[in-house]
Amino acid sequence: MSVVVITGTGTGVGKTVVTAGIAALALARGQRVAVLKPAQTGVAAAEAGDLDEVRALVGDLTTRELRRFPDPLAPETAARRVGMPPVRPSEVAGAAVELDHTHDLVLVEGAGGLLVRFDPDGGTLADVAWAMGAPVVVVAEPGLGTLNATALTAEALRRRGITCTGVVIGAWPDGPDLAARCNVEDLPVVAQAPLVGAFPAGVGALDRSDFLAVARAALAPVLGGEFDPKDLAGDVRR
C-alpha cells in the first residue's frame, strides 16, 4: 500500500497545510492522490473544513470525510454529544484501503494528536496506522514544548511498532526565536526520525501556483531534488 498517516503534536500545528503540500507535490508528478479525513470536528455542516482547504491549495484530487461534528472536541466526545455514531479505526482503515486500490498515494489526516480518542473503546489514529502497517508523518509546531510533545508521540509509535517516517514543522515563523532554531537540530533526535521539511507560517493563504512553489521549497531541498511523496510510504507492509 501507498498510505501515509499524518498526525500532529496537537491541534492547530499545521497538519492540513503539510497534507496539502505533500499532495501538491505528488499531483505535480502525475500521481493520483486521495486525502482521507476520518473526523472533522469544530466545523458545522455548511462551513468549510480541512478538506476544503486542501482542495483550495492543491486543486483537483479525491477527498473523503467520514464524520463531521460541530463541537471542537475529540471525535469520540463530539460524537457522543450529538448522538452520532463514532468513527472507528476499522472503518478508517477500510476506507484508506479502498482508496489505495485506485490511487497512487493516500494521505490520512488525523484530528488533533496521535492518541485522540475516536470511539468509546479507545480507538485512535495509532490504531489506524497499525492496522494498515502505514508509516506516520508527525507535524510539529516550533517553539517551547514541542520537543516533549514530539518525543511522546514518537515513543507511542515505537511501542506499537509503527514507523515514524519523518517530522515536518508546520508553521515556521519569519523571525524564529532560540527555541525554534534549536528545534531544527533537536526534533530529529527526540523523534528518532529525520526532519523532512518546514512550511512557513501563513502559507495556507497562498494561491495554488505559489503554494506548489512553497511546498517544493519546504520539502524537496531536505529530501532531495528528486523527492517523490510516495517515498514517505517506504516499503512498510503488514
C-alpha atoms as a PDB file:
ATOM      1  CA  MET A   1       0.000   0.000   0.000  1.00  0.00           C
ATOM      2  CA  SER A   2       0.976   3.631  -0.500  1.00  0.00           C
ATOM      3  CA  VAL A   3      -0.839   5.038   2.528  1.00  0.00           C
ATOM      4  CA  VAL A   4       0.722   7.658   4.797  1.00  0.00           C
ATOM      5  CA  VAL A   5      -0.877   8.779   8.066  1.00  0.00           C
ATOM      6  CA  ILE A   6      -0.339  12.398   9.082  1.00  0.00           C
ATOM      7  CA  THR A   7      -0.648  13.348  12.726  1.00  0.00           C
ATOM      8  CA  GLY A   8       0.431  16.278  14.839  1.00  0.00           C
ATOM      9  CA  THR A   9       1.761  17.061  18.264  1.00  0.00           C
ATOM     10  CA  GLY A  10      -1.582  18.751  18.934  1.00  0.00           C
ATOM     11  CA  THR A  11      -4.335  20.820  17.347  1.00  0.00           C
ATOM     12  CA  GLY A  12      -3.525  23.734  15.059  1.00  0.00           C
ATOM     13  CA  VAL A  13       0.083  22.767  14.326  1.00  0.00           C
ATOM     14  CA  GLY A  14      -0.289  22.746  10.527  1.00  0.00           C
ATOM     15  CA  LYS A  15      -1.343  19.192   9.618  1.00  0.00           C
ATOM     16  CA  THR A  16      -3.661  20.367   6.841  1.00  0.00           C
ATOM     17  CA  VAL A  17      -1.022  22.547   5.191  1.00  0.00           C
ATOM     18  CA  VAL A  18       1.516  19.723   5.332  1.00  0.00           C
ATOM     19  CA  THR A  19      -1.040  17.282   3.924  1.00  0.00           C
ATOM     20  CA  ALA A  20      -1.796  19.710   1.103  1.00  0.00           C
ATOM     21  CA  GLY A  21       1.911  20.228   0.411  1.00  0.00           C
ATOM     22  CA  ILE A  22       2.639  16.519   0.082  1.00  0.00           C
ATOM     23  CA  ALA A  23      -0.453  16.109  -2.097  1.00  0.00           C
ATOM     24  CA  ALA A  24       0.549  19.036  -4.325  1.00  0.00           C
ATOM     25  CA  LEU A  25       3.995  17.578  -4.979  1.00  0.00           C
ATOM     26  CA  ALA A  26       2.522  14.159  -5.745  1.00  0.00           C
ATOM     27  CA  LEU A  27      -0.014  15.635  -8.175  1.00  0.00           C
ATOM     28  CA  ALA A  28       2.748  17.613  -9.876  1.00  0.00           C
ATOM     29  CA  ARG A  29       4.455  14.277 -10.580  1.00  0.00           C
ATOM     30  CA  GLY A  30       1.275  12.968 -12.198  1.00  0.00           C
ATOM     31  CA  GLN A  31       0.272  10.730  -9.310  1.00  0.00           C
ATOM     32  CA  ARG A  32      -3.332  10.009  -8.380  1.00  0.00           C
ATOM     33  CA  VAL A  33      -3.797  11.325  -4.842  1.00  0.00           C
ATOM     34  CA  ALA A  34      -6.544  10.892  -2.257  1.00  0.00           C
ATOM     35  CA  VAL A  35      -6.847  12.617   1.113  1.00  0.00           C
ATOM     36  CA  LEU A  36      -8.938  10.931   3.794  1.00  0.00           C
ATOM     37  CA  LYS A  37     -10.163  12.807   6.873  1.00  0.00           C
ATOM     38  CA  PRO A  38     -11.569  10.378   9.462  1.00  0.00           C
ATOM     39  CA  ALA A  39     -13.263  13.091  11.532  1.00  0.00           C
ATOM     40  CA  GLN A  40     -13.665  16.838  11.165  1.00  0.00           C
ATOM     41  CA  THR A  41     -14.530  18.485  14.465  1.00  0.00           C
ATOM     42  CA  GLY A  42     -15.480  22.020  15.400  1.00  0.00           C
ATOM     43  CA  VAL A  43     -16.965  22.762  11.963  1.00  0.00           C
ATOM     44  CA  ALA A  44     -20.660  22.992  11.126  1.00  0.00           C
ATOM     45  CA  ALA A  45     -22.082  21.140   8.146  1.00  0.00           C
ATOM     46  CA  ALA A  46     -22.266  24.229   5.912  1.00  0.00           C
ATOM     47  CA  GLU A  47     -18.804  25.558   6.816  1.00  0.00           C
ATOM     48  CA  ALA A  48     -15.508  24.921   5.035  1.00  0.00           C
ATOM     49  CA  GLY A  49     -13.368  22.234   6.662  1.00  0.00           C
ATOM     50  CA  ASP A  50      -9.833  20.916   6.326  1.00  0.00           C
ATOM     51  CA  LEU A  51     -10.514  19.111   3.058  1.00  0.00           C
ATOM     52  CA  ASP A  52     -11.873  22.314   1.542  1.00  0.00           C
ATOM     53  CA  GLU A  53      -8.585  23.987   2.447  1.00  0.00           C
ATOM     54  CA  VAL A  54      -6.648  21.139   0.844  1.00  0.00           C
ATOM     55  CA  ARG A  55      -8.651  21.461  -2.392  1.00  0.00           C
ATOM     56  CA  ALA A  56      -8.231  25.251  -2.418  1.00  0.00           C
ATOM     57  CA  LEU A  57      -4.445  24.887  -2.127  1.00  0.00           C
ATOM     58  CA  VAL A  58      -3.998  21.856  -4.367  1.00  0.00           C
ATOM     59  CA  GLY A  59      -6.816  21.651  -6.901  1.00  0.00           C
ATOM     60  CA  ASP A  60      -8.482  18.553  -8.260  1.00  0.00           C
ATOM     61  CA  LEU A  61      -7.907  15.475  -6.129  1.00  0.00           C
ATOM     62  CA  THR A  62     -10.015  12.864  -4.363  1.00  0.00           C
ATOM     63  CA  THR A  63     -11.082  13.772  -0.828  1.00  0.00           C
ATOM     64  CA  ARG A  64     -13.251  11.878   1.606  1.00  0.00           C
ATOM     65  CA  GLU A  65     -14.530  12.856   5.053  1.00  0.00           C
ATOM     66  CA  LEU A  66     -16.057  10.105   7.196  1.00  0.00           C
ATOM     67  CA  ARG A  67     -17.608  12.167  10.005  1.00  0.00           C
ATOM     68  CA  ARG A  68     -18.216  15.813  10.810  1.00  0.00           C
ATOM     69  CA  PHE A  69     -19.047  17.100  14.276  1.00  0.00           C
ATOM     70  CA  PRO A  70     -19.881  20.720  15.150  1.00  0.00           C
ATOM     71  CA  ASP A  71     -18.252  20.765  18.585  1.00  0.00           C
ATOM     72  CA  PRO A  72     -14.491  21.433  18.857  1.00  0.00           C
ATOM     73  CA  LEU A  73     -13.833  18.290  20.879  1.00  0.00           C
ATOM     74  CA  ALA A  74     -12.140  14.936  20.495  1.00  0.00           C
ATOM     75  CA  PRO A  75     -14.056  12.879  17.891  1.00  0.00           C
ATOM     76  CA  GLU A  76     -15.409  10.392  20.435  1.00  0.00           C
ATOM     77  CA  THR A  77     -16.676  13.148  22.743  1.00  0.00           C
ATOM     78  CA  ALA A  78     -18.055  15.200  19.846  1.00  0.00           C
ATOM     79  CA  ALA A  79     -19.963  12.180  18.514  1.00  0.00           C
ATOM     80  CA  ARG A  80     -21.412  11.390  21.938  1.00  0.00           C
ATOM     81  CA  ARG A  81     -22.622  14.970  22.468  1.00  0.00           C
ATOM     82  CA  VAL A  82     -24.684  14.987  19.275  1.00  0.00           C
ATOM     83  CA  GLY A  83     -25.771  11.344  19.367  1.00  0.00           C
ATOM     84  CA  MET A  84     -23.920  10.344  16.209  1.00  0.00           C
ATOM     85  CA  PRO A  85     -22.097   7.042  15.705  1.00  0.00           C
ATOM     86  CA  PRO A  86     -18.350   7.350  16.318  1.00  0.00           C
ATOM     87  CA  VAL A  87     -15.776   6.710  13.655  1.00  0.00           C
ATOM     88  CA  ARG A  88     -13.869   3.522  14.387  1.00  0.00           C
ATOM     89  CA  PRO A  89     -10.298   2.665  13.341  1.00  0.00           C
ATOM     90  CA  SER A  90     -11.514  -0.335  11.322  1.00  0.00           C
ATOM     91  CA  GLU A  91     -13.787   1.964   9.288  1.00  0.00           C
ATOM     92  CA  VAL A  92     -10.936   4.408   8.640  1.00  0.00           C
ATOM     93  CA  ALA A  93      -8.533   1.640   7.624  1.00  0.00           C
ATOM     94  CA  GLY A  94     -11.164   0.136   5.347  1.00  0.00           C
ATOM     95  CA  ALA A  95     -11.752   3.471   3.612  1.00  0.00           C
ATOM     96  CA  ALA A  96      -7.996   4.003   3.173  1.00  0.00           C
ATOM     97  CA  VAL A  97      -7.521   0.538   1.676  1.00  0.00           C
ATOM     98  CA  GLU A  98     -10.431   1.155  -0.697  1.00  0.00           C
ATOM     99  CA  LEU A  99      -8.883   4.418  -1.877  1.00  0.00           C
ATOM    100  CA  ASP A 100      -5.487   2.754  -2.195  1.00  0.00           C
ATOM    101  CA  HIS A 101      -6.892   0.452  -4.893  1.00  0.00           C
ATOM    102  CA  THR A 102      -7.442   3.393  -7.267  1.00  0.00           C
ATOM    103  CA  HIS A 103      -4.790   5.907  -6.209  1.00  0.00           C
ATOM    104  CA  ASP A 104      -1.008   6.108  -6.134  1.00  0.00           C
ATOM    105  CA  LEU A 105      -0.892   7.849  -2.755  1.00  0.00           C
ATOM    106  CA  VAL A 106      -3.436   8.047   0.078  1.00  0.00           C
ATOM    107  CA  LEU A 107      -2.914  10.589   2.855  1.00  0.00           C
ATOM    108  CA  VAL A 108      -4.878  10.083   6.078  1.00  0.00           C
ATOM    109  CA  GLU A 109      -5.020  13.311   8.087  1.00  0.00           C
ATOM    110  CA  GLY A 110      -5.919  12.827  11.726  1.00  0.00           C
ATOM    111  CA  ALA A 111      -7.822  15.104  14.092  1.00  0.00           C
ATOM    112  CA  GLY A 112      -5.607  16.551  16.808  1.00  0.00           C
ATOM    113  CA  GLY A 113      -2.837  14.291  18.069  1.00  0.00           C
ATOM    114  CA  LEU A 114      -1.976  10.630  17.641  1.00  0.00           C
ATOM    115  CA  LEU A 115      -3.856   9.301  20.687  1.00  0.00           C
ATOM    116  CA  VAL A 116      -7.026  11.390  20.481  1.00  0.00           C
ATOM    117  CA  ARG A 117      -9.967   9.019  21.033  1.00  0.00           C
ATOM    118  CA  PHE A 118     -12.129   8.130  18.052  1.00  0.00           C
ATOM    119  CA  ASP A 119     -14.589   5.806  19.787  1.00  0.00           C
ATOM    120  CA  PRO A 120     -15.727   4.646  23.252  1.00  0.00           C
ATOM    121  CA  ASP A 121     -13.364   1.657  23.066  1.00  0.00           C
ATOM    122  CA  GLY A 122     -10.359   3.953  22.969  1.00  0.00           C
ATOM    123  CA  GLY A 123      -9.581   3.627  19.250  1.00  0.00           C
ATOM    124  CA  THR A 124      -7.064   6.176  17.969  1.00  0.00           C
ATOM    125  CA  LEU A 125      -5.194   7.207  14.835  1.00  0.00           C
ATOM    126  CA  ALA A 126      -2.343   5.000  16.034  1.00  0.00           C
ATOM    127  CA  ASP A 127      -4.675   2.011  15.722  1.00  0.00           C
ATOM    128  CA  VAL A 128      -5.451   3.041  12.139  1.00  0.00           C
ATOM    129  CA  ALA A 129      -1.762   3.180  11.233  1.00  0.00           C
ATOM    130  CA  TRP A 130      -1.046  -0.125  12.961  1.00  0.00           C
ATOM    131  CA  ALA A 131      -3.931  -1.919  11.252  1.00  0.00           C
ATOM    132  CA  MET A 132      -2.622  -0.945   7.803  1.00  0.00           C
ATOM    133  CA  GLY A 133       1.088  -1.102   8.554  1.00  0.00           C
ATOM    134  CA  ALA A 134       1.205   2.515   7.388  1.00  0.00           C
ATOM    135  CA  PRO A 135       4.019   4.904   8.348  1.00  0.00           C
ATOM    136  CA  VAL A 136       3.285   8.167  10.125  1.00  0.00           C
ATOM    137  CA  VAL A 137       4.455  11.719   9.462  1.00  0.00           C
ATOM    138  CA  VAL A 138       4.452  13.876  12.605  1.00  0.00           C
ATOM    139  CA  VAL A 139       3.747  17.601  12.230  1.00  0.00           C
ATOM    140  CA  ALA A 140       5.239  19.732  14.993  1.00  0.00           C
ATOM    141  CA  GLU A 141       4.831  23.393  15.885  1.00  0.00           C
ATOM    142  CA  PRO A 142       8.142  25.188  16.569  1.00  0.00           C
ATOM    143  CA  GLY A 143       8.849  26.621  19.992  1.00  0.00           C
ATOM    144  CA  LEU A 144       8.892  25.609  23.627  1.00  0.00           C
ATOM    145  CA  GLY A 145       7.166  22.322  24.466  1.00  0.00           C
ATOM    146  CA  THR A 146       7.349  20.798  21.016  1.00  0.00           C
ATOM    147  CA  LEU A 147      10.261  18.515  21.858  1.00  0.00           C
ATOM    148  CA  ASN A 148       8.353  16.891  24.700  1.00  0.00           C
ATOM    149  CA  ALA A 149       5.175  16.505  22.622  1.00  0.00           C
ATOM    150  CA  THR A 150       7.133  15.084  19.678  1.00  0.00           C
ATOM    151  CA  ALA A 151       9.068  12.685  21.896  1.00  0.00           C
ATOM    152  CA  LEU A 152       5.839  11.367  23.445  1.00  0.00           C
ATOM    153  CA  THR A 153       4.270  10.907  20.009  1.00  0.00           C
ATOM    154  CA  ALA A 154       7.318   9.095  18.657  1.00  0.00           C
ATOM    155  CA  GLU A 155       7.504   6.887  21.744  1.00  0.00           C
ATOM    156  CA  ALA A 156       3.837   5.924  21.332  1.00  0.00           C
ATOM    157  CA  LEU A 157       4.542   4.965  17.702  1.00  0.00           C
ATOM    158  CA  ARG A 158       7.561   2.845  18.640  1.00  0.00           C
ATOM    159  CA  ARG A 159       5.599   0.997  21.341  1.00  0.00           C
ATOM    160  CA  ARG A 160       3.131  -0.080  18.675  1.00  0.00           C
ATOM    161  CA  GLY A 161       5.788  -0.954  16.126  1.00  0.00           C
ATOM    162  CA  ILE A 162       4.727   1.889  13.789  1.00  0.00           C
ATOM    163  CA  THR A 163       7.300   3.634  11.617  1.00  0.00           C
ATOM    164  CA  CYS A 164       7.737   7.383  12.073  1.00  0.00           C
ATOM    165  CA  THR A 165       8.860   8.277   8.564  1.00  0.00           C
ATOM    166  CA  GLY A 166       9.670  11.881   9.378  1.00  0.00           C
ATOM    167  CA  VAL A 167       8.857  15.121  11.186  1.00  0.00           C
ATOM    168  CA  VAL A 168       7.668  18.307   9.464  1.00  0.00           C
ATOM    169  CA  ILE A 169       7.493  21.751  11.069  1.00  0.00           C
ATOM    170  CA  GLY A 170       4.065  23.081  10.204  1.00  0.00           C
ATOM    171  CA  ALA A 171       4.322  26.848  10.824  1.00  0.00           C
ATOM    172  CA  TRP A 172       7.900  28.153  10.689  1.00  0.00           C
ATOM    173  CA  PRO A 173       7.904  31.827  11.806  1.00  0.00           C
ATOM    174  CA  ASP A 174       9.512  34.688   9.881  1.00  0.00           C
ATOM    175  CA  GLY A 175      11.653  35.513  12.910  1.00  0.00           C
ATOM    176  CA  PRO A 176      12.325  32.241  14.731  1.00  0.00           C
ATOM    177  CA  ASP A 177      13.368  32.535  18.350  1.00  0.00           C
ATOM    178  CA  LEU A 178      16.076  30.477  20.025  1.00  0.00           C
ATOM    179  CA  ALA A 179      13.700  27.627  20.879  1.00  0.00           C
ATOM    180  CA  ALA A 180      12.501  27.323  17.272  1.00  0.00           C
ATOM    181  CA  ARG A 181      16.047  27.385  15.896  1.00  0.00           C
ATOM    182  CA  CYS A 182      17.095  24.662  18.331  1.00  0.00           C
ATOM    183  CA  ASN A 183      14.092  22.565  17.274  1.00  0.00           C
ATOM    184  CA  VAL A 184      15.704  22.063  13.860  1.00  0.00           C
ATOM    185  CA  GLU A 185      18.594  20.214  15.498  1.00  0.00           C
ATOM    186  CA  ASP A 186      16.697  18.544  18.325  1.00  0.00           C
ATOM    187  CA  LEU A 187      13.464  17.303  16.713  1.00  0.00           C
ATOM    188  CA  PRO A 188      15.162  14.520  14.710  1.00  0.00           C
ATOM    189  CA  VAL A 189      16.928  13.375  17.871  1.00  0.00           C
ATOM    190  CA  VAL A 190      13.824  13.097  20.054  1.00  0.00           C
ATOM    191  CA  ALA A 191      11.726  11.619  17.240  1.00  0.00           C
ATOM    192  CA  GLN A 192      14.462   9.251  16.066  1.00  0.00           C
ATOM    193  CA  ALA A 193      13.329  10.207  12.566  1.00  0.00           C
ATOM    194  CA  PRO A 194      14.501  12.784  10.013  1.00  0.00           C
ATOM    195  CA  LEU A 195      13.261  16.349   9.844  1.00  0.00           C
ATOM    196  CA  VAL A 196      11.856  16.317   6.320  1.00  0.00           C
ATOM    197  CA  GLY A 197      10.774  19.916   5.927  1.00  0.00           C
ATOM    198  CA  ALA A 198       9.352  23.141   7.309  1.00  0.00           C
ATOM    199  CA  PHE A 199       6.401  25.124   5.968  1.00  0.00           C
ATOM    200  CA  PRO A 200       6.363  28.879   6.626  1.00  0.00           C
ATOM    201  CA  ALA A 201       3.583  30.316   8.748  1.00  0.00           C
ATOM    202  CA  GLY A 202       0.701  31.750   6.737  1.00  0.00           C
ATOM    203  CA  VAL A 203       1.278  29.536   3.706  1.00  0.00           C
ATOM    204  CA  GLY A 204      -2.359  28.428   3.765  1.00  0.00           C
ATOM    205  CA  ALA A 205      -3.386  31.842   2.387  1.00  0.00           C
ATOM    206  CA  LEU A 206      -1.439  31.408  -0.880  1.00  0.00           C
ATOM    207  CA  ASP A 207      -2.946  30.604  -4.259  1.00  0.00           C
ATOM    208  CA  ARG A 208      -2.297  27.228  -5.870  1.00  0.00           C
ATOM    209  CA  SER A 209       0.717  28.086  -8.023  1.00  0.00           C
ATOM    210  CA  ASP A 210       2.501  29.911  -5.221  1.00  0.00           C
ATOM    211  CA  PHE A 211       1.651  27.151  -2.766  1.00  0.00           C
ATOM    212  CA  LEU A 212       3.176  24.488  -5.017  1.00  0.00           C
ATOM    213  CA  ALA A 213       6.396  26.506  -5.202  1.00  0.00           C
ATOM    214  CA  VAL A 214       6.473  26.877  -1.420  1.00  0.00           C
ATOM    215  CA  ALA A 215       5.792  23.154  -0.949  1.00  0.00           C
ATOM    216  CA  ARG A 216       8.743  22.332  -3.185  1.00  0.00           C
ATOM    217  CA  ALA A 217      10.950  24.728  -1.241  1.00  0.00           C
ATOM    218  CA  ALA A 218       9.704  23.343   2.077  1.00  0.00           C
ATOM    219  CA  LEU A 219      10.239  19.653   1.302  1.00  0.00           C
ATOM    220  CA  ALA A 220      12.342  18.974  -1.778  1.00  0.00           C
ATOM    221  CA  PRO A 221      15.638  20.562  -0.606  1.00  0.00           C
ATOM    222  CA  VAL A 222      15.527  18.472   2.558  1.00  0.00           C
ATOM    223  CA  LEU A 223      14.567  15.199   0.941  1.00  0.00           C
ATOM    224  CA  GLY A 224      16.457  15.662  -2.327  1.00  0.00           C
ATOM    225  CA  GLY A 225      15.653  17.228  -5.668  1.00  0.00           C
ATOM    226  CA  GLU A 226      14.052  14.034  -6.918  1.00  0.00           C
ATOM    227  CA  PHE A 227      11.756  13.764  -3.908  1.00  0.00           C
ATOM    228  CA  ASP A 228       8.777  11.549  -4.582  1.00  0.00           C
ATOM    229  CA  PRO A 229       5.990  11.888  -1.977  1.00  0.00           C
ATOM    230  CA  LYS A 230       5.383   8.158  -2.287  1.00  0.00           C
ATOM    231  CA  ASP A 231       8.825   7.675  -0.716  1.00  0.00           C
ATOM    232  CA  LEU A 232       7.220   8.658   2.583  1.00  0.00           C
ATOM    233  CA  ALA A 233       5.303   5.396   2.461  1.00  0.00           C
ATOM    234  CA  GLY A 234       8.555   3.453   2.239  1.00  0.00           C
ATOM    235  CA  ASP A 235       8.185  -0.278   1.893  1.00  0.00           C
ATOM    236  CA  VAL A 236       6.141  -0.902   5.022  1.00  0.00           C
ATOM    237  CA  ARG A 237       3.828  -3.914   4.887  1.00  0.00           C
ATOM    238  CA  ARG A 238       1.798  -5.808   7.471  1.00  0.00           C
END
